[in-house]
Amino acid sequence: MTERKKYGWTVRGLLGMIFSPLGFFFLTMGVLFWYFKVGQKPKEPWIFLYVFGGMGAAFFLAGLGLLISDLYRRALLRRAYEGGYSVMAKIADVSTQKNVNMNGQSPYMVECHYTDPATGTVHVYYSRYLYIDVSDLLQSDQVPVYIDRMNEKIGFVDIDAVLPKIQVHR
């Protein structure tokens, strides 16, 4: 059995996972309160639908958009891995992403560079978020990058290929 590749979630996907259900909940509450006319005076029949439903629809649509954009990014990476070509890129840096903070911890990303021999263009690719510092764990200074045949801007950094199996115990 082959191990499934990890394409990782970005901030957009994580926010989409939060805002979509939250917005759906408020949208549902607004529609239900409007339909059953819970706690409303006869002059204000639409207030719950406008307030809860409007706010819920805005959050739901924004969250859904963020979630769909990240799922699309993951599908592009999967297409690059499964149907693209592989190159070896040099690992340039392992850096902390200070703009992202999950449970008081910022994730790490591996930056790697690949120079196209035909054009001399240097391409920079980034790995998925890693929640431990892997600087000392890298088994090679090069990592395989799978580049999409249709769009060379899309590349999947197979960071798991140069890392040992990691188990974090807390």
N, C-alpha and C. Protein backbone atom coordinates (compact mmCIF):
# COMPACT_ATOMS: atom_id res chain seq x y z
N MET A 1 0.84 -1.19 0.00
CA MET A 1 0.00 0.00 0.00
C MET A 1 0.88 1.25 0.00
N THR A 2 0.62 2.14 -0.93
CA THR A 2 1.40 3.37 -1.00
C THR A 2 0.81 4.41 -0.04
N GLU A 3 1.69 5.19 0.51
CA GLU A 3 1.26 6.22 1.46
C GLU A 3 0.71 7.42 0.70
N ARG A 4 -0.39 7.96 1.18
CA ARG A 4 -0.99 9.13 0.53
C ARG A 4 -0.14 10.36 0.78
N LYS A 5 -0.03 11.19 -0.23
CA LYS A 5 0.74 12.42 -0.10
C LYS A 5 -0.05 13.46 0.66
N LYS A 6 0.66 14.30 1.38
CA LYS A 6 0.05 15.37 2.15
C LYS A 6 0.23 16.67 1.39
N TYR A 7 -0.89 17.28 0.98
CA TYR A 7 -0.83 18.51 0.22
C TYR A 7 -0.97 19.73 1.11
N GLY A 8 -1.40 19.56 2.34
CA GLY A 8 -1.45 20.63 3.32
C GLY A 8 -2.58 21.61 3.10
N TRP A 9 -3.01 22.22 4.19
CA TRP A 9 -4.02 23.27 4.16
C TRP A 9 -3.32 24.60 4.39
N THR A 10 -3.82 25.63 3.73
CA THR A 10 -3.29 26.97 3.96
C THR A 10 -4.26 27.72 4.87
N VAL A 11 -3.92 28.96 5.14
CA VAL A 11 -4.77 29.80 5.99
C VAL A 11 -6.16 29.96 5.38
N ARG A 12 -6.21 30.08 4.05
CA ARG A 12 -7.51 30.21 3.38
C ARG A 12 -8.41 29.02 3.68
N GLY A 13 -7.86 27.82 3.56
CA GLY A 13 -8.65 26.63 3.80
C GLY A 13 -9.09 26.51 5.25
N LEU A 14 -8.19 26.85 6.17
CA LEU A 14 -8.54 26.77 7.58
C LEU A 14 -9.62 27.79 7.93
N LEU A 15 -9.52 29.00 7.40
CA LEU A 15 -10.57 30.00 7.64
C LEU A 15 -11.88 29.57 6.99
N GLY A 16 -11.80 28.97 5.83
CA GLY A 16 -13.00 28.47 5.16
C GLY A 16 -13.69 27.39 5.97
N MET A 17 -12.89 26.53 6.64
CA MET A 17 -13.46 25.48 7.49
C MET A 17 -14.15 26.06 8.72
N ILE A 18 -13.76 27.24 9.13
CA ILE A 18 -14.38 27.88 10.29
C ILE A 18 -15.61 28.68 9.86
N PHE A 19 -15.45 29.53 8.85
CA PHE A 19 -16.52 30.45 8.49
C PHE A 19 -17.69 29.80 7.76
N SER A 20 -17.46 28.76 6.98
CA SER A 20 -18.56 28.11 6.27
C SER A 20 -19.61 27.52 7.21
N PRO A 21 -19.23 26.67 8.16
CA PRO A 21 -20.26 26.14 9.07
C PRO A 21 -20.87 27.20 9.96
N LEU A 22 -20.06 28.18 10.38
CA LEU A 22 -20.58 29.26 11.21
C LEU A 22 -21.62 30.07 10.44
N GLY A 23 -21.31 30.41 9.20
CA GLY A 23 -22.26 31.14 8.37
C GLY A 23 -23.50 30.34 8.07
N PHE A 24 -23.32 29.05 7.81
CA PHE A 24 -24.49 28.19 7.56
C PHE A 24 -25.39 28.12 8.78
N PHE A 25 -24.79 28.05 9.97
CA PHE A 25 -25.56 28.02 11.21
C PHE A 25 -26.39 29.30 11.35
N PHE A 26 -25.77 30.47 11.17
CA PHE A 26 -26.50 31.73 11.30
C PHE A 26 -27.55 31.90 10.20
N LEU A 27 -27.25 31.46 9.00
CA LEU A 27 -28.22 31.52 7.92
C LEU A 27 -29.43 30.64 8.24
N THR A 28 -29.19 29.46 8.73
CA THR A 28 -30.27 28.55 9.11
C THR A 28 -31.11 29.13 10.25
N MET A 29 -30.44 29.69 11.26
CA MET A 29 -31.16 30.30 12.38
C MET A 29 -32.03 31.46 11.91
N GLY A 30 -31.49 32.28 11.03
CA GLY A 30 -32.27 33.40 10.50
C GLY A 30 -33.49 32.95 9.75
N VAL A 31 -33.35 31.94 8.91
CA VAL A 31 -34.48 31.43 8.14
C VAL A 31 -35.50 30.76 9.07
N LEU A 32 -35.03 29.99 10.04
CA LEU A 32 -35.96 29.33 10.96
C LEU A 32 -36.69 30.34 11.84
N PHE A 33 -35.97 31.33 12.36
CA PHE A 33 -36.63 32.36 13.18
C PHE A 33 -37.63 33.15 12.36
N TRP A 34 -37.31 33.42 11.11
CA TRP A 34 -38.25 34.14 10.24
C TRP A 34 -39.46 33.27 9.94
N TYR A 35 -39.23 31.99 9.64
CA TYR A 35 -40.31 31.11 9.25
C TYR A 35 -41.29 30.87 10.42
N PHE A 36 -40.76 30.63 11.60
CA PHE A 36 -41.62 30.36 12.75
C PHE A 36 -41.97 31.62 13.53
N LYS A 37 -41.47 32.77 13.10
CA LYS A 37 -41.76 34.07 13.70
C LYS A 37 -41.54 34.05 15.22
N VAL A 38 -40.35 33.59 15.60
CA VAL A 38 -40.01 33.46 17.01
C VAL A 38 -39.72 34.84 17.60
N GLY A 39 -40.45 35.21 18.62
CA GLY A 39 -40.19 36.45 19.37
C GLY A 39 -40.33 37.72 18.58
N GLN A 40 -41.15 37.75 17.55
CA GLN A 40 -41.26 38.94 16.72
C GLN A 40 -42.60 39.63 16.95
N LYS A 41 -42.55 40.93 16.86
CA LYS A 41 -43.78 41.71 16.87
C LYS A 41 -44.36 41.69 15.45
N PRO A 42 -45.64 41.90 15.31
CA PRO A 42 -46.25 41.84 13.97
C PRO A 42 -45.67 42.86 12.99
N LYS A 43 -45.10 43.99 13.49
CA LYS A 43 -44.58 45.00 12.57
C LYS A 43 -43.17 44.65 12.06
N GLU A 44 -42.49 43.68 12.66
CA GLU A 44 -41.10 43.38 12.29
C GLU A 44 -40.94 41.91 11.88
N PRO A 45 -41.61 41.47 10.83
CA PRO A 45 -41.54 40.04 10.49
C PRO A 45 -40.23 39.61 9.82
N TRP A 46 -39.47 40.55 9.28
CA TRP A 46 -38.29 40.19 8.50
C TRP A 46 -36.97 40.42 9.23
N ILE A 47 -36.99 40.92 10.46
CA ILE A 47 -35.76 41.34 11.12
C ILE A 47 -34.77 40.19 11.31
N PHE A 48 -35.26 39.02 11.71
CA PHE A 48 -34.34 37.89 11.92
C PHE A 48 -33.76 37.41 10.60
N LEU A 49 -34.59 37.41 9.56
CA LEU A 49 -34.08 36.98 8.26
C LEU A 49 -33.01 37.94 7.76
N TYR A 50 -33.22 39.25 7.92
CA TYR A 50 -32.24 40.23 7.45
C TYR A 50 -30.95 40.18 8.27
N VAL A 51 -31.07 40.15 9.58
CA VAL A 51 -29.89 40.21 10.43
C VAL A 51 -29.15 38.87 10.44
N PHE A 52 -29.81 37.83 10.91
CA PHE A 52 -29.14 36.54 11.01
C PHE A 52 -28.88 35.94 9.62
N GLY A 53 -29.89 36.00 8.78
CA GLY A 53 -29.74 35.42 7.44
C GLY A 53 -28.71 36.17 6.61
N GLY A 54 -28.71 37.49 6.67
CA GLY A 54 -27.74 38.28 5.91
C GLY A 54 -26.32 38.06 6.38
N MET A 55 -26.15 38.10 7.70
CA MET A 55 -24.82 37.87 8.26
C MET A 55 -24.38 36.42 7.98
N GLY A 56 -25.28 35.49 8.14
CA GLY A 56 -24.95 34.09 7.88
C GLY A 56 -24.60 33.85 6.42
N ALA A 57 -25.36 34.46 5.51
CA ALA A 57 -25.07 34.29 4.09
C ALA A 57 -23.71 34.87 3.73
N ALA A 58 -23.38 36.03 4.30
CA ALA A 58 -22.07 36.64 4.02
C ALA A 58 -20.93 35.75 4.53
N PHE A 59 -21.04 35.27 5.76
CA PHE A 59 -20.00 34.40 6.31
C PHE A 59 -19.93 33.08 5.55
N PHE A 60 -21.08 32.52 5.22
CA PHE A 60 -21.11 31.24 4.51
C PHE A 60 -20.47 31.36 3.13
N LEU A 61 -20.83 32.39 2.38
CA LEU A 61 -20.27 32.55 1.04
C LEU A 61 -18.78 32.86 1.07
N ALA A 62 -18.36 33.70 2.02
CA ALA A 62 -16.93 34.01 2.14
C ALA A 62 -16.16 32.75 2.53
N GLY A 63 -16.65 32.02 3.51
CA GLY A 63 -15.99 30.79 3.92
C GLY A 63 -15.96 29.74 2.83
N LEU A 64 -17.06 29.62 2.12
CA LEU A 64 -17.12 28.66 1.03
C LEU A 64 -16.14 29.03 -0.08
N GLY A 65 -16.04 30.32 -0.38
CA GLY A 65 -15.07 30.76 -1.38
C GLY A 65 -13.64 30.45 -0.98
N LEU A 66 -13.30 30.71 0.28
CA LEU A 66 -11.96 30.41 0.78
C LEU A 66 -11.69 28.91 0.73
N LEU A 67 -12.66 28.13 1.15
CA LEU A 67 -12.50 26.68 1.17
C LEU A 67 -12.34 26.11 -0.24
N ILE A 68 -13.15 26.59 -1.17
CA ILE A 68 -13.07 26.12 -2.55
C ILE A 68 -11.74 26.51 -3.19
N SER A 69 -11.25 27.72 -2.90
CA SER A 69 -9.96 28.13 -3.47
C SER A 69 -8.83 27.25 -2.96
N ASP A 70 -8.87 26.86 -1.69
CA ASP A 70 -7.81 26.00 -1.17
C ASP A 70 -7.95 24.57 -1.69
N LEU A 71 -9.16 24.08 -1.85
CA LEU A 71 -9.36 22.76 -2.44
C LEU A 71 -8.87 22.73 -3.88
N TYR A 72 -9.07 23.83 -4.60
CA TYR A 72 -8.59 23.93 -5.97
C TYR A 72 -7.05 23.91 -6.00
N ARG A 73 -6.41 24.63 -5.07
CA ARG A 73 -4.95 24.63 -4.97
C ARG A 73 -4.44 23.21 -4.71
N ARG A 74 -5.12 22.51 -3.81
CA ARG A 74 -4.72 21.13 -3.50
C ARG A 74 -4.89 20.22 -4.71
N ALA A 75 -5.95 20.43 -5.50
CA ALA A 75 -6.17 19.63 -6.71
C ALA A 75 -5.07 19.89 -7.73
N LEU A 76 -4.63 21.14 -7.85
CA LEU A 76 -3.54 21.46 -8.77
C LEU A 76 -2.24 20.78 -8.33
N LEU A 77 -1.97 20.78 -7.02
CA LEU A 77 -0.78 20.10 -6.52
C LEU A 77 -0.86 18.60 -6.75
N ARG A 78 -2.03 18.03 -6.57
CA ARG A 78 -2.22 16.60 -6.83
C ARG A 78 -1.99 16.30 -8.31
N ARG A 79 -2.48 17.16 -9.19
CA ARG A 79 -2.27 16.97 -10.62
C ARG A 79 -0.79 17.06 -10.97
N ALA A 80 -0.07 17.99 -10.32
CA ALA A 80 1.37 18.10 -10.56
C ALA A 80 2.09 16.85 -10.09
N TYR A 81 1.70 16.31 -8.96
CA TYR A 81 2.37 15.12 -8.43
C TYR A 81 2.08 13.90 -9.29
N GLU A 82 0.83 13.73 -9.69
CA GLU A 82 0.46 12.52 -10.41
C GLU A 82 0.78 12.57 -11.90
N GLY A 83 0.75 13.75 -12.50
CA GLY A 83 0.95 13.82 -13.94
C GLY A 83 2.09 14.71 -14.38
N GLY A 84 2.81 15.29 -13.45
CA GLY A 84 3.89 16.19 -13.81
C GLY A 84 5.21 15.48 -13.93
N TYR A 85 6.25 16.26 -14.10
CA TYR A 85 7.59 15.69 -14.18
C TYR A 85 8.38 16.09 -12.94
N SER A 86 9.33 15.26 -12.59
CA SER A 86 10.07 15.44 -11.36
C SER A 86 11.44 16.07 -11.64
N VAL A 87 11.82 17.02 -10.79
CA VAL A 87 13.15 17.62 -10.83
C VAL A 87 13.68 17.64 -9.40
N MET A 88 14.97 17.74 -9.27
CA MET A 88 15.58 17.85 -7.95
C MET A 88 15.91 19.32 -7.71
N ALA A 89 15.36 19.87 -6.64
CA ALA A 89 15.58 21.28 -6.30
C ALA A 89 16.44 21.36 -5.05
N LYS A 90 17.27 22.38 -4.99
CA LYS A 90 18.15 22.57 -3.85
C LYS A 90 17.39 23.27 -2.73
N ILE A 91 17.51 22.71 -1.52
CA ILE A 91 16.86 23.32 -0.36
C ILE A 91 17.64 24.57 0.02
N ALA A 92 16.95 25.71 0.01
CA ALA A 92 17.60 26.98 0.29
C ALA A 92 17.40 27.44 1.73
N ASP A 93 16.21 27.17 2.29
CA ASP A 93 15.91 27.72 3.60
C ASP A 93 14.76 26.96 4.25
N VAL A 94 14.81 26.90 5.56
CA VAL A 94 13.67 26.44 6.37
C VAL A 94 13.30 27.63 7.24
N SER A 95 12.15 28.23 6.97
CA SER A 95 11.80 29.48 7.66
C SER A 95 10.47 29.34 8.39
N THR A 96 10.31 30.17 9.41
CA THR A 96 9.07 30.21 10.18
C THR A 96 8.11 31.18 9.50
N GLN A 97 6.86 30.80 9.41
CA GLN A 97 5.83 31.66 8.85
C GLN A 97 5.18 32.44 9.98
N LYS A 98 5.65 33.65 10.22
CA LYS A 98 5.18 34.45 11.36
C LYS A 98 3.75 34.95 11.18
N ASN A 99 3.26 35.01 9.93
CA ASN A 99 1.90 35.50 9.71
C ASN A 99 0.83 34.46 10.04
N VAL A 100 1.24 33.22 10.30
CA VAL A 100 0.31 32.15 10.65
C VAL A 100 0.64 31.69 12.06
N ASN A 101 -0.39 31.53 12.88
CA ASN A 101 -0.18 31.11 14.25
C ASN A 101 -1.28 30.13 14.62
N MET A 102 -0.91 28.89 14.90
CA MET A 102 -1.87 27.87 15.29
C MET A 102 -1.48 27.37 16.68
N ASN A 103 -2.35 27.56 17.65
CA ASN A 103 -2.11 27.14 19.03
C ASN A 103 -0.81 27.71 19.59
N GLY A 104 -0.54 28.97 19.28
CA GLY A 104 0.64 29.64 19.79
C GLY A 104 1.93 29.25 19.09
N GLN A 105 1.85 28.54 17.98
CA GLN A 105 3.03 28.07 17.28
C GLN A 105 2.93 28.44 15.81
N SER A 106 4.01 28.96 15.26
CA SER A 106 4.06 29.28 13.84
C SER A 106 4.64 28.10 13.07
N PRO A 107 4.06 27.77 11.92
CA PRO A 107 4.58 26.63 11.15
C PRO A 107 5.86 26.99 10.40
N TYR A 108 6.54 25.98 9.95
CA TYR A 108 7.74 26.13 9.14
C TYR A 108 7.42 25.78 7.70
N MET A 109 8.20 26.36 6.77
CA MET A 109 8.10 26.01 5.36
C MET A 109 9.51 25.85 4.82
N VAL A 110 9.66 24.88 3.93
CA VAL A 110 10.95 24.67 3.29
C VAL A 110 10.90 25.36 1.93
N GLU A 111 11.88 26.22 1.69
CA GLU A 111 12.01 26.91 0.41
C GLU A 111 13.08 26.19 -0.40
N CYS A 112 12.76 25.90 -1.66
CA CYS A 112 13.75 25.23 -2.51
C CYS A 112 13.80 25.91 -3.87
N HIS A 113 14.97 25.86 -4.49
CA HIS A 113 15.22 26.53 -5.77
C HIS A 113 15.59 25.49 -6.82
N TYR A 114 15.07 25.72 -8.02
CA TYR A 114 15.39 24.87 -9.16
C TYR A 114 15.71 25.78 -10.34
N THR A 115 16.85 25.55 -10.96
CA THR A 115 17.25 26.33 -12.13
C THR A 115 16.97 25.50 -13.37
N ASP A 116 16.14 26.05 -14.25
CA ASP A 116 15.79 25.38 -15.50
C ASP A 116 17.01 25.44 -16.42
N PRO A 117 17.57 24.29 -16.82
CA PRO A 117 18.78 24.33 -17.64
C PRO A 117 18.54 24.90 -19.05
N ALA A 118 17.33 24.79 -19.55
CA ALA A 118 17.05 25.28 -20.90
C ALA A 118 17.00 26.80 -20.96
N THR A 119 16.40 27.42 -19.95
CA THR A 119 16.23 28.87 -19.98
C THR A 119 17.11 29.62 -18.97
N GLY A 120 17.63 28.91 -17.98
CA GLY A 120 18.42 29.56 -16.93
C GLY A 120 17.57 30.25 -15.89
N THR A 121 16.26 30.07 -15.94
CA THR A 121 15.35 30.69 -15.00
C THR A 121 15.36 29.93 -13.68
N VAL A 122 15.42 30.67 -12.58
CA VAL A 122 15.38 30.06 -11.26
C VAL A 122 13.93 30.05 -10.79
N HIS A 123 13.44 28.88 -10.44
CA HIS A 123 12.08 28.72 -9.93
C HIS A 123 12.17 28.46 -8.43
N VAL A 124 11.31 29.12 -7.65
CA VAL A 124 11.28 28.96 -6.20
C VAL A 124 9.97 28.29 -5.83
N TYR A 125 10.06 27.20 -5.08
CA TYR A 125 8.88 26.46 -4.63
C TYR A 125 8.92 26.34 -3.12
N TYR A 126 7.72 26.24 -2.51
CA TYR A 126 7.60 26.13 -1.06
C TYR A 126 6.85 24.85 -0.70
N SER A 127 7.25 24.27 0.42
CA SER A 127 6.58 23.07 0.90
C SER A 127 5.28 23.44 1.62
N ARG A 128 4.57 22.42 2.05
CA ARG A 128 3.39 22.63 2.88
C ARG A 128 3.85 23.08 4.26
N TYR A 129 2.91 23.49 5.11
CA TYR A 129 3.24 23.88 6.47
C TYR A 129 3.73 22.65 7.25
N LEU A 130 4.80 22.83 7.98
CA LEU A 130 5.34 21.79 8.85
C LEU A 130 5.35 22.36 10.26
N TYR A 131 4.86 21.60 11.22
CA TYR A 131 4.69 22.13 12.57
C TYR A 131 5.81 21.78 13.53
N ILE A 132 6.92 21.30 12.98
CA ILE A 132 8.15 21.16 13.77
C ILE A 132 9.30 21.66 12.90
N ASP A 133 10.37 22.08 13.56
CA ASP A 133 11.56 22.55 12.83
C ASP A 133 12.28 21.33 12.26
N VAL A 134 12.36 21.26 10.93
CA VAL A 134 12.95 20.10 10.28
C VAL A 134 14.37 20.37 9.79
N SER A 135 14.97 21.49 10.21
CA SER A 135 16.30 21.85 9.73
C SER A 135 17.32 20.74 9.99
N ASP A 136 17.29 20.15 11.18
CA ASP A 136 18.26 19.12 11.54
C ASP A 136 17.84 17.73 11.08
N LEU A 137 16.62 17.58 10.58
CA LEU A 137 16.12 16.26 10.21
C LEU A 137 16.23 15.96 8.71
N LEU A 138 16.56 16.97 7.90
CA LEU A 138 16.63 16.76 6.46
C LEU A 138 17.74 15.77 6.12
N GLN A 139 17.42 14.77 5.32
CA GLN A 139 18.38 13.73 4.97
C GLN A 139 19.14 14.05 3.70
N SER A 140 18.81 15.15 3.05
CA SER A 140 19.48 15.53 1.81
C SER A 140 19.38 17.04 1.66
N ASP A 141 20.24 17.61 0.84
CA ASP A 141 20.15 19.05 0.57
C ASP A 141 19.33 19.32 -0.69
N GLN A 142 18.80 18.25 -1.29
CA GLN A 142 17.93 18.38 -2.45
C GLN A 142 16.63 17.64 -2.19
N VAL A 143 15.55 18.15 -2.79
CA VAL A 143 14.23 17.58 -2.58
C VAL A 143 13.55 17.43 -3.95
N PRO A 144 12.80 16.34 -4.17
CA PRO A 144 12.07 16.22 -5.44
C PRO A 144 10.89 17.19 -5.49
N VAL A 145 10.77 17.85 -6.62
CA VAL A 145 9.65 18.76 -6.88
C VAL A 145 8.96 18.27 -8.14
N TYR A 146 7.67 18.07 -8.04
CA TYR A 146 6.87 17.61 -9.18
C TYR A 146 6.21 18.84 -9.79
N ILE A 147 6.57 19.13 -11.03
CA ILE A 147 6.10 20.34 -11.72
C ILE A 147 5.02 19.96 -12.72
N ASP A 148 3.95 20.72 -12.71
CA ASP A 148 2.83 20.48 -13.62
C ASP A 148 3.29 20.71 -15.05
N ARG A 149 2.89 19.84 -15.94
CA ARG A 149 3.30 19.94 -17.34
C ARG A 149 2.64 21.12 -18.05
N MET A 150 1.47 21.55 -17.58
CA MET A 150 0.76 22.64 -18.23
C MET A 150 1.11 24.02 -17.66
N ASN A 151 1.57 24.05 -16.42
CA ASN A 151 1.87 25.33 -15.76
C ASN A 151 3.05 25.12 -14.82
N GLU A 152 4.19 25.65 -15.20
CA GLU A 152 5.40 25.43 -14.40
C GLU A 152 5.39 26.20 -13.08
N LYS A 153 4.42 27.07 -12.89
CA LYS A 153 4.30 27.78 -11.62
C LYS A 153 3.76 26.88 -10.52
N ILE A 154 3.15 25.77 -10.91
CA ILE A 154 2.57 24.84 -9.95
C ILE A 154 3.56 23.70 -9.73
N GLY A 155 4.05 23.61 -8.50
CA GLY A 155 5.00 22.56 -8.17
C GLY A 155 4.73 22.01 -6.79
N PHE A 156 4.74 20.70 -6.69
CA PHE A 156 4.53 20.03 -5.41
C PHE A 156 5.89 19.63 -4.86
N VAL A 157 6.25 20.19 -3.71
CA VAL A 157 7.50 19.86 -3.04
C VAL A 157 7.24 18.63 -2.19
N ASP A 158 7.88 17.52 -2.54
CA ASP A 158 7.70 16.27 -1.82
C ASP A 158 8.66 16.22 -0.63
N ILE A 159 8.35 17.00 0.38
CA ILE A 159 9.23 17.14 1.54
C ILE A 159 9.33 15.84 2.32
N ASP A 160 8.30 15.00 2.24
CA ASP A 160 8.33 13.73 2.96
C ASP A 160 9.40 12.78 2.42
N ALA A 161 9.86 13.01 1.18
CA ALA A 161 10.88 12.15 0.59
C ALA A 161 12.25 12.35 1.24
N VAL A 162 12.49 13.49 1.85
CA VAL A 162 13.80 13.76 2.47
C VAL A 162 13.72 13.85 3.99
N LEU A 163 12.59 13.47 4.55
CA LEU A 163 12.43 13.47 6.00
C LEU A 163 12.22 12.05 6.49
N PRO A 164 12.72 11.73 7.69
CA PRO A 164 12.39 10.44 8.27
C PRO A 164 10.94 10.45 8.74
N LYS A 165 10.41 9.30 9.10
CA LYS A 165 9.07 9.26 9.67
C LYS A 165 9.11 9.95 11.02
N ILE A 166 8.21 10.93 11.20
CA ILE A 166 8.24 11.76 12.40
C ILE A 166 6.98 11.47 13.23
N GLN A 167 7.17 11.21 14.50
CA GLN A 167 6.06 11.07 15.43
C GLN A 167 6.30 12.07 16.56
N VAL A 168 5.36 12.96 16.76
CA VAL A 168 5.46 13.98 17.79
C VAL A 168 4.67 13.50 19.01
N HIS A 169 5.31 13.50 20.17
CA HIS A 169 4.66 13.09 21.42
C HIS A 169 4.64 14.30 22.34
N ARG A 170 3.47 14.61 22.86
CA ARG A 170 3.33 15.77 23.76
C ARG A 170 2.83 15.32 25.10
